[in-house]
Amino acid sequence: MGLVAHKMKVRLPAATAVDAEVDLCNSGDVYFLRARLNVSLPGLEREVAQAIVNVAHSQTCGYSNATRGNVDVTLNLV
């Protein structure tokens, strides 16, 4: 998120936090992962914070890129 915020000329708050919740699910004999990323960017306008989260997830995050198409991820701006 830092790279995206920097490009947008936005300073991330010191209290920035990402809490990940990961579920091990199964459907019959098949196991899969599902994740929820709860992102807190206190003090930023919601639209700006959401844009940072969306771009980071879709373009710059190494973990998002590595798991894309393999893990169902929900992004929650809290």
Foldseek 3Di string as FASTA:
>chain_A
DCVLCVVVVHDFDPPWDWDKDKDWDDDVPDTAIEMEIEIERPPDDPVVVVVSVVCCLVPPPPVSVVCPPRYHYHYHYD
